[in-house]
């Protein structure tokens, strides 16, 4: 997961995240819409539409999903194995 070392930049992004959290976004559809709209707008509005840029955006989204798996699903799976036993 890329970590942003510039604290001022990170603080500005966190303000945006805090505002989005106030909207109580439904992860079933609305989160997908939000992420797609953001990626689409970032590429189209900056006139940087290219195969390479689209691939980069997909890669960023995939790495975000991988980080969710690693940080949240992995420990949850480990907890459930301890509680219920492993598959044998």
N, C-alpha and C. Protein backbone atom coordinates (compact mmCIF):
# COMPACT_ATOMS: atom_id res chain seq x y z
N UNK A 1 0.85 -1.18 0.00
CA UNK A 1 0.00 0.00 0.00
C UNK A 1 0.89 1.23 0.00
N UNK A 2 0.65 2.15 -0.90
CA UNK A 2 1.47 3.36 -0.90
C UNK A 2 1.11 4.26 0.28
N UNK A 3 2.11 4.68 0.98
CA UNK A 3 1.90 5.58 2.10
C UNK A 3 2.38 6.96 1.69
N UNK A 4 1.64 7.96 2.04
CA UNK A 4 1.94 9.33 1.63
C UNK A 4 2.79 9.96 2.73
N UNK A 5 4.03 10.29 2.40
CA UNK A 5 4.94 10.82 3.41
C UNK A 5 4.72 12.31 3.67
N UNK A 6 4.14 13.02 2.70
CA UNK A 6 3.88 14.45 2.86
C UNK A 6 2.66 14.64 3.77
N UNK A 7 2.91 15.02 5.04
CA UNK A 7 1.83 15.12 6.01
C UNK A 7 0.76 16.13 5.60
N UNK A 8 1.17 17.27 5.03
CA UNK A 8 0.19 18.28 4.60
C UNK A 8 -0.74 17.71 3.53
N UNK A 9 -0.18 16.98 2.58
CA UNK A 9 -0.98 16.37 1.51
C UNK A 9 -1.92 15.32 2.10
N UNK A 10 -1.39 14.49 3.00
CA UNK A 10 -2.19 13.45 3.65
C UNK A 10 -3.34 14.08 4.44
N UNK A 11 -3.05 15.17 5.17
CA UNK A 11 -4.09 15.84 5.94
C UNK A 11 -5.20 16.38 5.04
N UNK A 12 -4.82 16.92 3.88
CA UNK A 12 -5.83 17.43 2.93
C UNK A 12 -6.69 16.30 2.39
N UNK A 13 -6.08 15.17 2.10
CA UNK A 13 -6.85 14.01 1.62
C UNK A 13 -7.76 13.47 2.71
N UNK A 14 -7.29 13.48 3.94
CA UNK A 14 -8.11 13.00 5.06
C UNK A 14 -9.35 13.86 5.27
N UNK A 15 -9.26 15.16 5.00
CA UNK A 15 -10.43 16.04 5.08
C UNK A 15 -11.49 15.59 4.08
N UNK A 16 -11.06 15.23 2.88
CA UNK A 16 -11.99 14.75 1.85
C UNK A 16 -12.63 13.44 2.30
N UNK A 17 -11.82 12.52 2.83
CA UNK A 17 -12.35 11.24 3.31
C UNK A 17 -13.37 11.48 4.43
N UNK A 18 -13.05 12.38 5.34
CA UNK A 18 -13.99 12.68 6.44
C UNK A 18 -15.32 13.21 5.91
N UNK A 19 -15.26 14.03 4.89
CA UNK A 19 -16.50 14.55 4.29
C UNK A 19 -17.29 13.43 3.61
N UNK A 20 -16.60 12.53 2.94
CA UNK A 20 -17.28 11.40 2.29
C UNK A 20 -17.93 10.50 3.32
N UNK A 21 -17.26 10.31 4.46
CA UNK A 21 -17.83 9.46 5.50
C UNK A 21 -19.15 10.03 6.03
N UNK A 22 -19.28 11.33 6.03
CA UNK A 22 -20.52 11.98 6.48
C UNK A 22 -21.70 11.63 5.57
N UNK A 23 -21.40 11.26 4.32
CA UNK A 23 -22.47 10.91 3.38
C UNK A 23 -23.03 9.52 3.62
N UNK A 24 -22.37 8.73 4.47
CA UNK A 24 -22.79 7.35 4.75
C UNK A 24 -22.98 6.58 3.44
N UNK A 25 -21.92 6.51 2.67
CA UNK A 25 -21.94 5.86 1.36
C UNK A 25 -22.25 4.38 1.50
N UNK A 26 -23.19 3.91 0.70
CA UNK A 26 -23.55 2.51 0.66
C UNK A 26 -22.52 1.78 -0.19
N UNK A 27 -21.85 0.80 0.39
CA UNK A 27 -20.80 0.10 -0.37
C UNK A 27 -21.38 -0.76 -1.47
N UNK A 28 -22.66 -1.00 -1.50
CA UNK A 28 -23.29 -1.79 -2.56
C UNK A 28 -23.72 -0.87 -3.70
N UNK A 29 -22.78 -0.51 -4.52
CA UNK A 29 -23.10 0.31 -5.69
C UNK A 29 -22.57 1.72 -5.58
N UNK A 30 -22.81 2.38 -4.47
CA UNK A 30 -22.40 3.77 -4.36
C UNK A 30 -20.88 3.92 -4.28
N UNK A 31 -20.22 3.03 -3.57
CA UNK A 31 -18.76 3.08 -3.51
C UNK A 31 -18.17 2.83 -4.90
N UNK A 32 -18.72 1.86 -5.61
CA UNK A 32 -18.29 1.56 -6.98
C UNK A 32 -18.48 2.80 -7.86
N UNK A 33 -19.64 3.42 -7.76
CA UNK A 33 -19.93 4.63 -8.54
C UNK A 33 -18.91 5.71 -8.22
N UNK A 34 -18.67 5.94 -6.94
CA UNK A 34 -17.77 6.99 -6.51
C UNK A 34 -16.35 6.76 -7.04
N UNK A 35 -15.84 5.55 -6.90
CA UNK A 35 -14.48 5.26 -7.36
C UNK A 35 -14.38 5.34 -8.88
N UNK A 36 -15.39 4.80 -9.58
CA UNK A 36 -15.37 4.87 -11.05
C UNK A 36 -15.44 6.30 -11.53
N UNK A 37 -16.34 7.08 -10.96
CA UNK A 37 -16.50 8.49 -11.36
C UNK A 37 -15.21 9.27 -11.11
N UNK A 38 -14.56 9.02 -9.97
CA UNK A 38 -13.31 9.70 -9.67
C UNK A 38 -12.23 9.35 -10.69
N UNK A 39 -12.05 8.06 -10.94
CA UNK A 39 -11.03 7.63 -11.90
C UNK A 39 -11.32 8.16 -13.30
N UNK A 40 -12.57 8.04 -13.70
CA UNK A 40 -12.97 8.53 -15.03
C UNK A 40 -12.71 10.02 -15.15
N UNK A 41 -13.09 10.77 -14.15
CA UNK A 41 -12.92 12.22 -14.18
C UNK A 41 -11.45 12.62 -14.16
N UNK A 42 -10.65 11.93 -13.35
CA UNK A 42 -9.23 12.26 -13.28
C UNK A 42 -8.55 12.08 -14.63
N UNK A 43 -8.91 11.03 -15.34
CA UNK A 43 -8.29 10.78 -16.65
C UNK A 43 -8.88 11.70 -17.72
N UNK A 44 -10.19 11.76 -17.82
CA UNK A 44 -10.83 12.55 -18.89
C UNK A 44 -10.58 14.05 -18.71
N UNK A 45 -10.73 14.55 -17.46
CA UNK A 45 -10.60 15.98 -17.23
C UNK A 45 -9.18 16.49 -17.40
N UNK A 46 -8.21 15.61 -17.25
CA UNK A 46 -6.82 16.03 -17.42
C UNK A 46 -6.32 15.72 -18.82
N UNK A 47 -7.19 15.20 -19.67
CA UNK A 47 -6.85 14.86 -21.06
C UNK A 47 -5.66 13.89 -21.12
N UNK A 48 -5.66 12.94 -20.18
CA UNK A 48 -4.59 11.95 -20.14
C UNK A 48 -5.13 10.56 -20.42
N UNK A 49 -6.11 10.50 -21.33
CA UNK A 49 -6.73 9.23 -21.66
C UNK A 49 -5.75 8.39 -22.49
N UNK A 50 -5.37 7.25 -21.93
CA UNK A 50 -4.49 6.32 -22.65
C UNK A 50 -4.65 4.94 -22.02
N UNK A 51 -4.29 3.94 -22.78
CA UNK A 51 -4.34 2.57 -22.28
C UNK A 51 -3.49 2.44 -21.02
N UNK A 52 -2.32 3.03 -21.05
CA UNK A 52 -1.40 2.95 -19.92
C UNK A 52 -1.99 3.59 -18.66
N UNK A 53 -2.61 4.73 -18.81
CA UNK A 53 -3.21 5.39 -17.64
C UNK A 53 -4.38 4.58 -17.09
N UNK A 54 -5.20 4.03 -17.98
CA UNK A 54 -6.30 3.19 -17.50
C UNK A 54 -5.76 1.98 -16.74
N UNK A 55 -4.69 1.38 -17.26
CA UNK A 55 -4.07 0.24 -16.57
C UNK A 55 -3.54 0.66 -15.20
N UNK A 56 -2.98 1.84 -15.11
CA UNK A 56 -2.46 2.33 -13.83
C UNK A 56 -3.58 2.50 -12.81
N UNK A 57 -4.70 3.03 -13.25
CA UNK A 57 -5.84 3.21 -12.34
C UNK A 57 -6.37 1.86 -11.88
N UNK A 58 -6.47 0.92 -12.80
CA UNK A 58 -6.92 -0.43 -12.43
C UNK A 58 -5.96 -1.03 -11.42
N UNK A 59 -4.67 -0.85 -11.65
CA UNK A 59 -3.67 -1.36 -10.72
C UNK A 59 -3.82 -0.77 -9.34
N UNK A 60 -4.09 0.53 -9.25
CA UNK A 60 -4.29 1.18 -7.95
C UNK A 60 -5.50 0.61 -7.24
N UNK A 61 -6.59 0.41 -7.98
CA UNK A 61 -7.80 -0.15 -7.37
C UNK A 61 -7.58 -1.59 -6.92
N UNK A 62 -6.85 -2.37 -7.73
CA UNK A 62 -6.55 -3.75 -7.35
C UNK A 62 -5.67 -3.80 -6.10
N UNK A 63 -4.70 -2.91 -6.02
CA UNK A 63 -3.84 -2.90 -4.84
C UNK A 63 -4.62 -2.48 -3.59
N UNK A 64 -5.59 -1.61 -3.76
CA UNK A 64 -6.45 -1.24 -2.64
C UNK A 64 -7.23 -2.46 -2.16
N UNK A 65 -7.78 -3.23 -3.10
CA UNK A 65 -8.51 -4.45 -2.75
C UNK A 65 -7.57 -5.45 -2.07
N UNK A 66 -6.34 -5.56 -2.57
CA UNK A 66 -5.38 -6.47 -1.96
C UNK A 66 -5.05 -6.05 -0.53
N UNK A 67 -4.97 -4.75 -0.29
CA UNK A 67 -4.68 -4.26 1.06
C UNK A 67 -5.84 -4.55 2.01
N UNK A 68 -7.06 -4.45 1.52
CA UNK A 68 -8.23 -4.80 2.34
C UNK A 68 -8.17 -6.28 2.69
N UNK A 69 -7.84 -7.13 1.71
CA UNK A 69 -7.71 -8.57 1.98
C UNK A 69 -6.63 -8.84 3.02
N UNK A 70 -5.47 -8.21 2.85
CA UNK A 70 -4.33 -8.46 3.72
C UNK A 70 -4.58 -7.96 5.14
N UNK A 71 -5.12 -6.75 5.29
CA UNK A 71 -5.26 -6.16 6.61
C UNK A 71 -6.52 -6.57 7.36
N UNK A 72 -7.60 -6.82 6.63
CA UNK A 72 -8.87 -7.09 7.30
C UNK A 72 -9.35 -8.51 7.16
N UNK A 73 -9.37 -9.04 5.93
CA UNK A 73 -9.88 -10.40 5.73
C UNK A 73 -8.95 -11.46 6.29
N UNK A 74 -7.64 -11.28 6.10
CA UNK A 74 -6.67 -12.25 6.61
C UNK A 74 -6.81 -12.46 8.11
N UNK A 75 -6.74 -11.39 8.92
CA UNK A 75 -6.91 -11.56 10.36
C UNK A 75 -8.28 -12.12 10.74
N UNK A 76 -9.32 -11.74 10.02
CA UNK A 76 -10.65 -12.28 10.31
C UNK A 76 -10.69 -13.78 10.04
N UNK A 77 -10.09 -14.20 8.93
CA UNK A 77 -10.02 -15.64 8.62
C UNK A 77 -9.25 -16.38 9.71
N UNK A 78 -8.14 -15.83 10.15
CA UNK A 78 -7.34 -16.45 11.21
C UNK A 78 -8.15 -16.59 12.49
N UNK A 79 -8.92 -15.55 12.81
CA UNK A 79 -9.78 -15.59 14.00
C UNK A 79 -10.82 -16.70 13.89
N UNK A 80 -11.45 -16.81 12.73
CA UNK A 80 -12.48 -17.84 12.53
C UNK A 80 -11.89 -19.24 12.56
N UNK A 81 -10.65 -19.40 12.07
CA UNK A 81 -9.98 -20.71 12.17
C UNK A 81 -9.78 -21.07 13.63
N UNK A 82 -9.33 -20.11 14.43
CA UNK A 82 -9.13 -20.37 15.87
C UNK A 82 -10.44 -20.73 16.54
N UNK A 83 -11.52 -20.03 16.17
CA UNK A 83 -12.83 -20.25 16.79
C UNK A 83 -13.47 -21.56 16.36
N UNK A 84 -13.37 -21.89 15.06
CA UNK A 84 -14.12 -23.01 14.50
C UNK A 84 -13.29 -24.19 14.04
N UNK A 85 -11.97 -24.02 14.05
CA UNK A 85 -11.12 -25.07 13.55
C UNK A 85 -10.87 -24.90 12.06
N UNK A 86 -9.74 -25.42 11.62
CA UNK A 86 -9.33 -25.29 10.23
C UNK A 86 -10.00 -26.36 9.38
N UNK A 87 -9.99 -26.15 8.09
CA UNK A 87 -10.48 -27.16 7.14
C UNK A 87 -9.43 -28.27 7.07
N UNK A 88 -9.88 -29.50 7.25
CA UNK A 88 -8.93 -30.62 7.19
C UNK A 88 -9.21 -31.50 5.99
